[in-house]
Amino acid sequence: MMEMALDILSWFCIVVGGFLGITGAIGLFRFPDFYSRLHAASITDTLSVGLIIFGLVLQSSSVLMVLKLLLLLLILAYTGPTAAHALAKTARQEKLKPVLDDNGEES
C-alpha cells in the first residue's frame, strides 16, 4: 500500500513537472518580447526541474542515487535563476526595450 502511494505521488510530480516544462516552452513562442519569454522559461524551468527530480527521488531505492539527485537539484536550482538574471541584466545593459502597449507604456 505504501509503495503504491509513493508511486502515485512520484508519477504525479513527474507528470506535473513535465507539464510545467511544456508550458514554459510554449511561453517561449507565445510571449511578445525577450523579458516575458525569459520570465516564462525561467520560472517554469526551475519548478519543473524541482518536481521532476523530487519524483525521481521518490522512485529511487539507492541512497547514493538520492544524494546524486539532490546534488543535481541544488546545482540546477542555483544556476537556472542565476543564468536568467545574467541574461536579463545583459539585455538591459544593451538597452533592449520591452514591447510597449498601445499607450506607449511598458506592458
PDB file of N, CA and C in Angstrom:
ATOM      1  N   MET A   1       0.823  -1.197   0.000  1.00  0.00           N
ATOM      2  CA  MET A   1       0.000   0.000   0.000  1.00  0.00           C
ATOM      3  C   MET A   1       0.866   1.259   0.000  1.00  0.00           C
ATOM      4  N   MET A   2       1.876   1.269   0.853  1.00  0.00           N
ATOM      5  CA  MET A   2       2.761   2.438   0.940  1.00  0.00           C
ATOM      6  C   MET A   2       3.553   2.618  -0.356  1.00  0.00           C
ATOM      7  N   GLU A   3       3.966   1.506  -0.942  1.00  0.00           N
ATOM      8  CA  GLU A   3       4.725   1.570  -2.196  1.00  0.00           C
ATOM      9  C   GLU A   3       3.867   2.132  -3.329  1.00  0.00           C
ATOM     10  N   MET A   4       2.604   1.765  -3.352  1.00  0.00           N
ATOM     11  CA  MET A   4       1.707   2.278  -4.379  1.00  0.00           C
ATOM     12  C   MET A   4       1.460   3.781  -4.187  1.00  0.00           C
ATOM     13  N   ALA A   5       1.351   4.228  -2.949  1.00  0.00           N
ATOM     14  CA  ALA A   5       1.162   5.654  -2.677  1.00  0.00           C
ATOM     15  C   ALA A   5       2.396   6.449  -3.115  1.00  0.00           C
ATOM     16  N   LEU A   6       3.593   5.900  -2.870  1.00  0.00           N
ATOM     17  CA  LEU A   6       4.817   6.566  -3.318  1.00  0.00           C
ATOM     18  C   LEU A   6       4.905   6.619  -4.834  1.00  0.00           C
ATOM     19  N   ASP A   7       4.487   5.540  -5.487  1.00  0.00           N
ATOM     20  CA  ASP A   7       4.479   5.525  -6.956  1.00  0.00           C
ATOM     21  C   ASP A   7       3.514   6.571  -7.512  1.00  0.00           C
ATOM     22  N   ILE A   8       2.338   6.670  -6.919  1.00  0.00           N
ATOM     23  CA  ILE A   8       1.353   7.651  -7.384  1.00  0.00           C
ATOM     24  C   ILE A   8       1.870   9.070  -7.180  1.00  0.00           C
ATOM     25  N   LEU A   9       2.422   9.353  -6.011  1.00  0.00           N
ATOM     26  CA  LEU A   9       2.967  10.684  -5.732  1.00  0.00           C
ATOM     27  C   LEU A   9       4.145  10.993  -6.650  1.00  0.00           C
ATOM     28  N   SER A  10       4.990  10.003  -6.867  1.00  0.00           N
ATOM     29  CA  SER A  10       6.149  10.180  -7.739  1.00  0.00           C
ATOM     30  C   SER A  10       5.716  10.501  -9.160  1.00  0.00           C
ATOM     31  N   TRP A  11       4.802   9.728  -9.708  1.00  0.00           N
ATOM     32  CA  TRP A  11       4.351   9.969 -11.075  1.00  0.00           C
ATOM     33  C   TRP A  11       3.574  11.271 -11.184  1.00  0.00           C
ATOM     34  N   PHE A  12       2.865  11.644 -10.145  1.00  0.00           N
ATOM     35  CA  PHE A  12       2.175  12.932 -10.150  1.00  0.00           C
ATOM     36  C   PHE A  12       3.192  14.069 -10.280  1.00  0.00           C
ATOM     37  N   CYS A  13       4.263  14.004  -9.495  1.00  0.00           N
ATOM     38  CA  CYS A  13       5.309  15.040  -9.558  1.00  0.00           C
ATOM     39  C   CYS A  13       5.984  15.072 -10.928  1.00  0.00           C
ATOM     40  N   ILE A  14       6.270  13.909 -11.476  1.00  0.00           N
ATOM     41  CA  ILE A  14       6.932  13.848 -12.778  1.00  0.00           C
ATOM     42  C   ILE A  14       6.027  14.392 -13.879  1.00  0.00           C
ATOM     43  N   VAL A  15       4.759  14.030 -13.856  1.00  0.00           N
ATOM     44  CA  VAL A  15       3.826  14.497 -14.888  1.00  0.00           C
ATOM     45  C   VAL A  15       3.593  16.000 -14.764  1.00  0.00           C
ATOM     46  N   VAL A  16       3.386  16.489 -13.556  1.00  0.00           N
ATOM     47  CA  VAL A  16       3.184  17.936 -13.368  1.00  0.00           C
ATOM     48  C   VAL A  16       4.448  18.698 -13.760  1.00  0.00           C
ATOM     49  N   GLY A  17       5.618  18.174 -13.408  1.00  0.00           N
ATOM     50  CA  GLY A  17       6.870  18.809 -13.818  1.00  0.00           C
ATOM     51  C   GLY A  17       7.026  18.842 -15.324  1.00  0.00           C
ATOM     52  N   GLY A  18       6.665  17.762 -15.988  1.00  0.00           N
ATOM     53  CA  GLY A  18       6.715  17.732 -17.449  1.00  0.00           C
ATOM     54  C   GLY A  18       5.735  18.723 -18.058  1.00  0.00           C
ATOM     55  N   PHE A  19       4.533  18.816 -17.474  1.00  0.00           N
ATOM     56  CA  PHE A  19       3.542  19.782 -17.959  1.00  0.00           C
ATOM     57  C   PHE A  19       4.055  21.209 -17.814  1.00  0.00           C
ATOM     58  N   LEU A  20       4.667  21.515 -16.685  1.00  0.00           N
ATOM     59  CA  LEU A  20       5.221  22.861 -16.497  1.00  0.00           C
ATOM     60  C   LEU A  20       6.349  23.151 -17.480  1.00  0.00           C
ATOM     61  N   GLY A  21       7.149  22.148 -17.772  1.00  0.00           N
ATOM     62  CA  GLY A  21       8.205  22.323 -18.768  1.00  0.00           C
ATOM     63  C   GLY A  21       7.641  22.623 -20.144  1.00  0.00           C
ATOM     64  N   ILE A  22       6.564  21.943 -20.491  1.00  0.00           N
ATOM     65  CA  ILE A  22       5.927  22.180 -21.791  1.00  0.00           C
ATOM     66  C   ILE A  22       5.299  23.570 -21.831  1.00  0.00           C
ATOM     67  N   THR A  23       4.651  23.990 -20.745  1.00  0.00           N
ATOM     68  CA  THR A  23       4.054  25.332 -20.740  1.00  0.00           C
ATOM     69  C   THR A  23       5.123  26.413 -20.822  1.00  0.00           C
ATOM     70  N   GLY A  24       6.277  26.173 -20.224  1.00  0.00           N
ATOM     71  CA  GLY A  24       7.382  27.128 -20.365  1.00  0.00           C
ATOM     72  C   GLY A  24       7.872  27.210 -21.797  1.00  0.00           C
ATOM     73  N   ALA A  25       7.932  26.064 -22.457  1.00  0.00           N
ATOM     74  CA  ALA A  25       8.351  26.055 -23.863  1.00  0.00           C
ATOM     75  C   ALA A  25       7.322  26.763 -24.744  1.00  0.00           C
ATOM     76  N   ILE A  26       6.044  26.576 -24.451  1.00  0.00           N
ATOM     77  CA  ILE A  26       5.003  27.280 -25.202  1.00  0.00           C
ATOM     78  C   ILE A  26       5.117  28.779 -24.963  1.00  0.00           C
ATOM     79  N   GLY A  27       5.445  29.176 -23.732  1.00  0.00           N
ATOM     80  CA  GLY A  27       5.626  30.591 -23.422  1.00  0.00           C
ATOM     81  C   GLY A  27       6.748  31.217 -24.220  1.00  0.00           C
ATOM     82  N   LEU A  28       7.754  30.440 -24.568  1.00  0.00           N
ATOM     83  CA  LEU A  28       8.843  30.973 -25.392  1.00  0.00           C
ATOM     84  C   LEU A  28       8.352  31.388 -26.774  1.00  0.00           C
ATOM     85  N   PHE A  29       7.341  30.709 -27.260  1.00  0.00           N
ATOM     86  CA  PHE A  29       6.808  31.029 -28.584  1.00  0.00           C
ATOM     87  C   PHE A  29       5.666  32.043 -28.544  1.00  0.00           C
ATOM     88  N   ARG A  30       4.927  32.082 -27.451  1.00  0.00           N
ATOM     89  CA  ARG A  30       3.716  32.887 -27.404  1.00  0.00           C
ATOM     90  C   ARG A  30       3.926  34.318 -26.908  1.00  0.00           C
ATOM     91  N   PHE A  31       4.872  34.546 -26.023  1.00  0.00           N
ATOM     92  CA  PHE A  31       5.030  35.881 -25.436  1.00  0.00           C
ATOM     93  C   PHE A  31       5.754  36.814 -26.392  1.00  0.00           C
ATOM     94  N   PRO A  32       5.485  38.125 -26.280  1.00  0.00           N
ATOM     95  CA  PRO A  32       5.912  39.054 -27.324  1.00  0.00           C
ATOM     96  C   PRO A  32       7.369  39.521 -27.270  1.00  0.00           C
ATOM     97  N   ASP A  33       7.985  39.543 -26.097  1.00  0.00           N
ATOM     98  CA  ASP A  33       9.327  40.109 -26.048  1.00  0.00           C
ATOM     99  C   ASP A  33      10.268  39.237 -25.222  1.00  0.00           C
ATOM    100  N   PHE A  34      11.532  39.629 -25.249  1.00  0.00           N
ATOM    101  CA  PHE A  34      12.586  38.856 -24.605  1.00  0.00           C
ATOM    102  C   PHE A  34      12.344  38.696 -23.112  1.00  0.00           C
ATOM    103  N   TYR A  35      11.948  39.758 -22.442  1.00  0.00           N
ATOM    104  CA  TYR A  35      11.805  39.717 -20.986  1.00  0.00           C
ATOM    105  C   TYR A  35      10.670  38.798 -20.541  1.00  0.00           C
ATOM    106  N   SER A  36       9.536  38.870 -21.194  1.00  0.00           N
ATOM    107  CA  SER A  36       8.435  37.985 -20.804  1.00  0.00           C
ATOM    108  C   SER A  36       8.741  36.535 -21.170  1.00  0.00           C
ATOM    109  N   ARG A  37       9.438  36.317 -22.266  1.00  0.00           N
ATOM    110  CA  ARG A  37       9.845  34.954 -22.626  1.00  0.00           C
ATOM    111  C   ARG A  37      10.837  34.396 -21.609  1.00  0.00           C
ATOM    112  N   LEU A  38      11.769  35.226 -21.213  1.00  0.00           N
ATOM    113  CA  LEU A  38      12.750  34.799 -20.219  1.00  0.00           C
ATOM    114  C   LEU A  38      12.079  34.472 -18.892  1.00  0.00           C
ATOM    115  N   HIS A  39      11.110  35.285 -18.508  1.00  0.00           N
ATOM    116  CA  HIS A  39      10.387  35.056 -17.264  1.00  0.00           C
ATOM    117  C   HIS A  39       9.627  33.729 -17.320  1.00  0.00           C
ATOM    118  N   ALA A  40       8.919  33.505 -18.416  1.00  0.00           N
ATOM    119  CA  ALA A  40       8.148  32.262 -18.552  1.00  0.00           C
ATOM    120  C   ALA A  40       9.063  31.047 -18.510  1.00  0.00           C
ATOM    121  N   ALA A  41      10.171  31.136 -19.197  1.00  0.00           N
ATOM    122  CA  ALA A  41      11.079  29.989 -19.260  1.00  0.00           C
ATOM    123  C   ALA A  41      11.763  29.733 -17.918  1.00  0.00           C
ATOM    124  N   SER A  42      12.212  30.788 -17.253  1.00  0.00           N
ATOM    125  CA  SER A  42      12.985  30.577 -16.023  1.00  0.00           C
ATOM    126  C   SER A  42      12.107  30.137 -14.860  1.00  0.00           C
ATOM    127  N   ILE A  43      10.911  30.680 -14.742  1.00  0.00           N
ATOM    128  CA  ILE A  43      10.032  30.275 -13.638  1.00  0.00           C
ATOM    129  C   ILE A  43       9.594  28.823 -13.803  1.00  0.00           C
ATOM    130  N   THR A  44       9.103  28.489 -14.984  1.00  0.00           N
ATOM    131  CA  THR A  44       8.628  27.124 -15.173  1.00  0.00           C
ATOM    132  C   THR A  44       9.769  26.118 -15.184  1.00  0.00           C
ATOM    133  N   ASP A  45      10.936  26.533 -15.640  1.00  0.00           N
ATOM    134  CA  ASP A  45      12.080  25.635 -15.681  1.00  0.00           C
ATOM    135  C   ASP A  45      12.500  25.223 -14.273  1.00  0.00           C
ATOM    136  N   THR A  46      12.600  26.180 -13.376  1.00  0.00           N
ATOM    137  CA  THR A  46      13.038  25.885 -12.014  1.00  0.00           C
ATOM    138  C   THR A  46      12.043  24.980 -11.299  1.00  0.00           C
ATOM    139  N   LEU A  47      10.768  25.304 -11.393  1.00  0.00           N
ATOM    140  CA  LEU A  47       9.765  24.480 -10.728  1.00  0.00           C
ATOM    141  C   LEU A  47       9.642  23.110 -11.396  1.00  0.00           C
ATOM    142  N   SER A  48       9.740  23.077 -12.705  1.00  0.00           N
ATOM    143  CA  SER A  48       9.657  21.820 -13.439  1.00  0.00           C
ATOM    144  C   SER A  48      10.782  20.866 -13.032  1.00  0.00           C
ATOM    145  N   VAL A  49      11.995  21.377 -13.008  1.00  0.00           N
ATOM    146  CA  VAL A  49      13.139  20.542 -12.621  1.00  0.00           C
ATOM    147  C   VAL A  49      12.984  20.053 -11.188  1.00  0.00           C
ATOM    148  N   GLY A  50      12.525  20.923 -10.308  1.00  0.00           N
ATOM    149  CA  GLY A  50      12.338  20.528  -8.910  1.00  0.00           C
ATOM    150  C   GLY A  50      11.327  19.407  -8.761  1.00  0.00           C
ATOM    151  N   LEU A  51      10.210  19.521  -9.452  1.00  0.00           N
ATOM    152  CA  LEU A  51       9.190  18.477  -9.348  1.00  0.00           C
ATOM    153  C   LEU A  51       9.644  17.159  -9.971  1.00  0.00           C
ATOM    154  N   ILE A  52      10.303  17.241 -11.111  1.00  0.00           N
ATOM    155  CA  ILE A  52      10.765  16.007 -11.762  1.00  0.00           C
ATOM    156  C   ILE A  52      11.814  15.306 -10.904  1.00  0.00           C
ATOM    157  N   ILE A  53      12.747  16.050 -10.371  1.00  0.00           N
ATOM    158  CA  ILE A  53      13.778  15.423  -9.528  1.00  0.00           C
ATOM    159  C   ILE A  53      13.175  14.879  -8.241  1.00  0.00           C
ATOM    160  N   PHE A  54      12.210  15.600  -7.662  1.00  0.00           N
ATOM    161  CA  PHE A  54      11.543  15.080  -6.460  1.00  0.00           C
ATOM    162  C   PHE A  54      10.831  13.763  -6.774  1.00  0.00           C
ATOM    163  N   GLY A  55      10.179  13.692  -7.928  1.00  0.00           N
ATOM    164  CA  GLY A  55       9.535  12.451  -8.341  1.00  0.00           C
ATOM    165  C   GLY A  55      10.536  11.325  -8.532  1.00  0.00           C
ATOM    166  N   LEU A  56      11.698  11.649  -9.084  1.00  0.00           N
ATOM    167  CA  LEU A  56      12.731  10.627  -9.265  1.00  0.00           C
ATOM    168  C   LEU A  56      13.327  10.184  -7.932  1.00  0.00           C
ATOM    169  N   VAL A  57      13.431  11.104  -6.984  1.00  0.00           N
ATOM    170  CA  VAL A  57      13.921  10.737  -5.647  1.00  0.00           C
ATOM    171  C   VAL A  57      12.961   9.739  -5.007  1.00  0.00           C
ATOM    172  N   LEU A  58      11.667   9.966  -5.172  1.00  0.00           N
ATOM    173  CA  LEU A  58      10.687   9.026  -4.616  1.00  0.00           C
ATOM    174  C   LEU A  58      10.776   7.655  -5.279  1.00  0.00           C
ATOM    175  N   GLN A  59      11.182   7.594  -6.529  1.00  0.00           N
ATOM    176  CA  GLN A  59      11.316   6.322  -7.243  1.00  0.00           C
ATOM    177  C   GLN A  59      12.620   5.598  -6.916  1.00  0.00           C
ATOM    178  N   SER A  60      13.606   6.328  -6.437  1.00  0.00           N
ATOM    179  CA  SER A  60      14.934   5.757  -6.228  1.00  0.00           C
ATOM    180  C   SER A  60      14.965   4.845  -5.005  1.00  0.00           C
ATOM    181  N   SER A  61      15.723   3.775  -5.126  1.00  0.00           N
ATOM    182  CA  SER A  61      15.877   2.854  -3.996  1.00  0.00           C
ATOM    183  C   SER A  61      17.262   2.943  -3.368  1.00  0.00           C
ATOM    184  N   SER A  62      18.168   3.641  -4.026  1.00  0.00           N
ATOM    185  CA  SER A  62      19.544   3.732  -3.552  1.00  0.00           C
ATOM    186  C   SER A  62      19.789   5.086  -2.880  1.00  0.00           C
ATOM    187  N   VAL A  63      20.450   5.056  -1.748  1.00  0.00           N
ATOM    188  CA  VAL A  63      20.786   6.294  -1.036  1.00  0.00           C
ATOM    189  C   VAL A  63      21.760   7.126  -1.864  1.00  0.00           C
ATOM    190  N   LEU A  64      22.689   6.470  -2.527  1.00  0.00           N
ATOM    191  CA  LEU A  64      23.648   7.181  -3.361  1.00  0.00           C
ATOM    192  C   LEU A  64      22.944   7.904  -4.515  1.00  0.00           C
ATOM    193  N   MET A  65      21.947   7.261  -5.100  1.00  0.00           N
ATOM    194  CA  MET A  65      21.191   7.885  -6.184  1.00  0.00           C
ATOM    195  C   MET A  65      20.417   9.097  -5.666  1.00  0.00           C
ATOM    196  N   VAL A  66      19.851   8.990  -4.483  1.00  0.00           N
ATOM    197  CA  VAL A  66      19.126  10.121  -3.885  1.00  0.00           C
ATOM    198  C   VAL A  66      20.075  11.289  -3.658  1.00  0.00           C
ATOM    199  N   LEU A  67      21.261  11.015  -3.169  1.00  0.00           N
ATOM    200  CA  LEU A  67      22.240  12.083  -2.950  1.00  0.00           C
ATOM    201  C   LEU A  67      22.655  12.745  -4.258  1.00  0.00           C
ATOM    202  N   LYS A  68      22.837  11.939  -5.291  1.00  0.00           N
ATOM    203  CA  LYS A  68      23.189  12.491  -6.604  1.00  0.00           C
ATOM    204  C   LYS A  68      22.066  13.367  -7.152  1.00  0.00           C
ATOM    205  N   LEU A  69      20.830  12.910  -7.009  1.00  0.00           N
ATOM    206  CA  LEU A  69      19.692  13.697  -7.486  1.00  0.00           C
ATOM    207  C   LEU A  69      19.538  14.995  -6.709  1.00  0.00           C
ATOM    208  N   LEU A  70      19.745  14.943  -5.406  1.00  0.00           N
ATOM    209  CA  LEU A  70      19.653  16.161  -4.596  1.00  0.00           C
ATOM    210  C   LEU A  70      20.774  17.141  -4.922  1.00  0.00           C
ATOM    211  N   LEU A  71      21.964  16.618  -5.214  1.00  0.00           N
ATOM    212  CA  LEU A  71      23.061  17.481  -5.643  1.00  0.00           C
ATOM    213  C   LEU A  71      22.732  18.135  -6.980  1.00  0.00           C
ATOM    214  N   LEU A  72      22.171  17.365  -7.891  1.00  0.00           N
ATOM    215  CA  LEU A  72      21.751  17.895  -9.178  1.00  0.00           C
ATOM    216  C   LEU A  72      20.676  18.965  -9.000  1.00  0.00           C
ATOM    217  N   LEU A  73      19.734  18.723  -8.105  1.00  0.00           N
ATOM    218  CA  LEU A  73      18.691  19.709  -7.823  1.00  0.00           C
ATOM    219  C   LEU A  73      19.291  20.988  -7.260  1.00  0.00           C
ATOM    220  N   LEU A  74      20.238  20.868  -6.370  1.00  0.00           N
ATOM    221  CA  LEU A  74      20.895  22.040  -5.789  1.00  0.00           C
ATOM    222  C   LEU A  74      21.621  22.848  -6.863  1.00  0.00           C
ATOM    223  N   ILE A  75      22.333  22.171  -7.731  1.00  0.00           N
ATOM    224  CA  ILE A  75      23.064  22.862  -8.800  1.00  0.00           C
ATOM    225  C   ILE A  75      22.100  23.553  -9.754  1.00  0.00           C
ATOM    226  N   LEU A  76      21.053  22.859 -10.174  1.00  0.00           N
ATOM    227  CA  LEU A  76      20.103  23.445 -11.118  1.00  0.00           C
ATOM    228  C   LEU A  76      19.274  24.562 -10.485  1.00  0.00           C
ATOM    229  N   ALA A  77      18.955  24.428  -9.212  1.00  0.00           N
ATOM    230  CA  ALA A  77      18.199  25.481  -8.530  1.00  0.00           C
ATOM    231  C   ALA A  77      19.032  26.748  -8.361  1.00  0.00           C
ATOM    232  N   TYR A  78      20.332  26.619  -8.360  1.00  0.00           N
ATOM    233  CA  TYR A  78      21.209  27.785  -8.240  1.00  0.00           C
ATOM    234  C   TYR A  78      21.538  28.380  -9.608  1.00  0.00           C
ATOM    235  N   THR A  79      21.846  27.537 -10.574  1.00  0.00           N
ATOM    236  CA  THR A  79      22.321  28.047 -11.862  1.00  0.00           C
ATOM    237  C   THR A  79      21.201  28.561 -12.765  1.00  0.00           C
ATOM    238  N   GLY A  80      20.001  27.981 -12.685  1.00  0.00           N
ATOM    239  CA  GLY A  80      18.895  28.422 -13.537  1.00  0.00           C
ATOM    240  C   GLY A  80      18.518  29.880 -13.311  1.00  0.00           C
ATOM    241  N   PRO A  81      18.145  30.264 -12.095  1.00  0.00           N
ATOM    242  CA  PRO A  81      17.814  31.669 -11.844  1.00  0.00           C
ATOM    243  C   PRO A  81      19.003  32.612 -12.042  1.00  0.00           C
ATOM    244  N   THR A  82      20.201  32.140 -11.748  1.00  0.00           N
ATOM    245  CA  THR A  82      21.380  32.981 -11.951  1.00  0.00           C
ATOM    246  C   THR A  82      21.597  33.272 -13.427  1.00  0.00           C
ATOM    247  N   ALA A  83      21.426  32.276 -14.262  1.00  0.00           N
ATOM    248  CA  ALA A  83      21.559  32.476 -15.708  1.00  0.00           C
ATOM    249  C   ALA A  83      20.475  33.402 -16.240  1.00  0.00           C
ATOM    250  N   ALA A  84      19.250  33.242 -15.752  1.00  0.00           N
ATOM    251  CA  ALA A  84      18.163  34.126 -16.194  1.00  0.00           C
ATOM    252  C   ALA A  84      18.435  35.566 -15.781  1.00  0.00           C
ATOM    253  N   HIS A  85      18.939  35.757 -14.581  1.00  0.00           N
ATOM    254  CA  HIS A  85      19.281  37.100 -14.118  1.00  0.00           C
ATOM    255  C   HIS A  85      20.393  37.701 -14.970  1.00  0.00           C
ATOM    256  N   ALA A  86      21.399  36.901 -15.274  1.00  0.00           N
ATOM    257  CA  ALA A  86      22.504  37.399 -16.098  1.00  0.00           C
ATOM    258  C   ALA A  86      22.022  37.775 -17.499  1.00  0.00           C
ATOM    259  N   LEU A  87      21.141  36.982 -18.080  1.00  0.00           N
ATOM    260  CA  LEU A  87      20.591  37.303 -19.397  1.00  0.00           C
ATOM    261  C   LEU A  87      19.773  38.587 -19.356  1.00  0.00           C
ATOM    262  N   ALA A  88      18.939  38.737 -18.346  1.00  0.00           N
ATOM    263  CA  ALA A  88      18.112  39.940 -18.238  1.00  0.00           C
ATOM    264  C   ALA A  88      18.972  41.178 -17.997  1.00  0.00           C
ATOM    265  N   LYS A  89      19.977  41.046 -17.171  1.00  0.00           N
ATOM    266  CA  LYS A  89      20.857  42.180 -16.894  1.00  0.00           C
ATOM    267  C   LYS A  89      21.624  42.590 -18.145  1.00  0.00           C
ATOM    268  N   THR A  90      22.107  41.627 -18.900  1.00  0.00           N
ATOM    269  CA  THR A  90      22.821  41.932 -20.140  1.00  0.00           C
ATOM    270  C   THR A  90      21.894  42.575 -21.160  1.00  0.00           C
ATOM    271  N   ALA A  91      20.661  42.073 -21.263  1.00  0.00           N
ATOM    272  CA  ALA A  91      19.703  42.672 -22.192  1.00  0.00           C
ATOM    273  C   ALA A  91      19.400  44.112 -21.783  1.00  0.00           C
ATOM    274  N   ARG A  92      19.287  44.361 -20.509  1.00  0.00           N
ATOM    275  CA  ARG A  92      19.024  45.721 -20.024  1.00  0.00           C
ATOM    276  C   ARG A  92      20.218  46.631 -20.302  1.00  0.00           C
ATOM    277  N   GLN A  93      21.432  46.136 -20.095  1.00  0.00           N
ATOM    278  CA  GLN A  93      22.629  46.939 -20.357  1.00  0.00           C
ATOM    279  C   GLN A  93      22.794  47.239 -21.844  1.00  0.00           C
ATOM    280  N   GLU A  94      22.336  46.313 -22.686  1.00  0.00           N
ATOM    281  CA  GLU A  94      22.398  46.526 -24.127  1.00  0.00           C
ATOM    282  C   GLU A  94      21.205  47.338 -24.632  1.00  0.00           C
ATOM    283  N   LYS A  95      20.421  47.846 -23.682  1.00  0.00           N
ATOM    284  CA  LYS A  95      19.269  48.716 -23.958  1.00  0.00           C
ATOM    285  C   LYS A  95      18.186  48.032 -24.792  1.00  0.00           C
ATOM    286  N   LEU A  96      17.978  46.759 -24.546  1.00  0.00           N
ATOM    287  CA  LEU A  96      16.883  46.044 -25.180  1.00  0.00           C
ATOM    288  C   LEU A  96      15.603  46.431 -24.453  1.00  0.00           C
ATOM    289  N   LYS A  97      14.694  47.057 -25.169  1.00  0.00           N
ATOM    290  CA  LYS A  97      13.461  47.557 -24.572  1.00  0.00           C
ATOM    291  C   LYS A  97      12.361  46.499 -24.623  1.00  0.00           C
ATOM    292  N   PRO A  98      11.493  46.489 -23.600  1.00  0.00           N
ATOM    293  CA  PRO A  98      10.339  45.592 -23.647  1.00  0.00           C
ATOM    294  C   PRO A  98       9.323  46.086 -24.676  1.00  0.00           C
ATOM    295  N   VAL A  99       8.450  45.201 -25.094  1.00  0.00           N
ATOM    296  CA  VAL A  99       7.380  45.584 -26.029  1.00  0.00           C
ATOM    297  C   VAL A  99       6.427  46.523 -25.300  1.00  0.00           C
ATOM    298  N   LEU A 100       6.007  47.581 -25.982  1.00  0.00           N
ATOM    299  CA  LEU A 100       5.116  48.560 -25.383  1.00  0.00           C
ATOM    300  C   LEU A 100       3.680  48.274 -25.775  1.00  0.00           C
ATOM    301  N   ASP A 101       2.747  48.691 -24.903  1.00  0.00           N
ATOM    302  CA  ASP A 101       1.329  48.532 -25.248  1.00  0.00           C
ATOM    303  C   ASP A 101       0.870  49.702 -26.120  1.00  0.00           C
ATOM    304  N   ASP A 102      -0.410  49.804 -26.397  1.00  0.00           N
ATOM    305  CA  ASP A 102      -0.948  50.815 -27.300  1.00  0.00           C
ATOM    306  C   ASP A 102      -0.773  52.240 -26.785  1.00  0.00           C
ATOM    307  N   ASN A 103      -0.652  52.423 -25.467  1.00  0.00           N
ATOM    308  CA  ASN A 103      -0.499  53.758 -24.882  1.00  0.00           C
ATOM    309  C   ASN A 103       0.951  54.233 -24.858  1.00  0.00           C
ATOM    310  N   GLY A 104       1.872  53.417 -25.322  1.00  0.00           N
ATOM    311  CA  GLY A 104       3.280  53.791 -25.314  1.00  0.00           C
ATOM    312  C   GLY A 104       3.975  53.484 -24.010  1.00  0.00           C
ATOM    313  N   GLU A 105       3.301  52.753 -23.129  1.00  0.00           N
ATOM    314  CA  GLU A 105       3.881  52.391 -21.844  1.00  0.00           C
ATOM    315  C   GLU A 105       4.346  50.945 -21.886  1.00  0.00           C
ATOM    316  N   GLU A 106       5.309  50.641 -21.024  1.00  0.00           N
ATOM    317  CA  GLU A 106       5.784  49.266 -20.960  1.00  0.00           C
ATOM    318  C   GLU A 106       4.676  48.393 -20.402  1.00  0.00           C
ATOM    319  N   SER A 107       4.482  47.255 -21.034  1.00  0.00           N
ATOM    320  CA  SER A 107       3.432  46.354 -20.539  1.00  0.00           C
ATOM    321  C   SER A 107       4.018  45.222 -19.745  1.00  0.00           C
TER     322      SER A 107
END
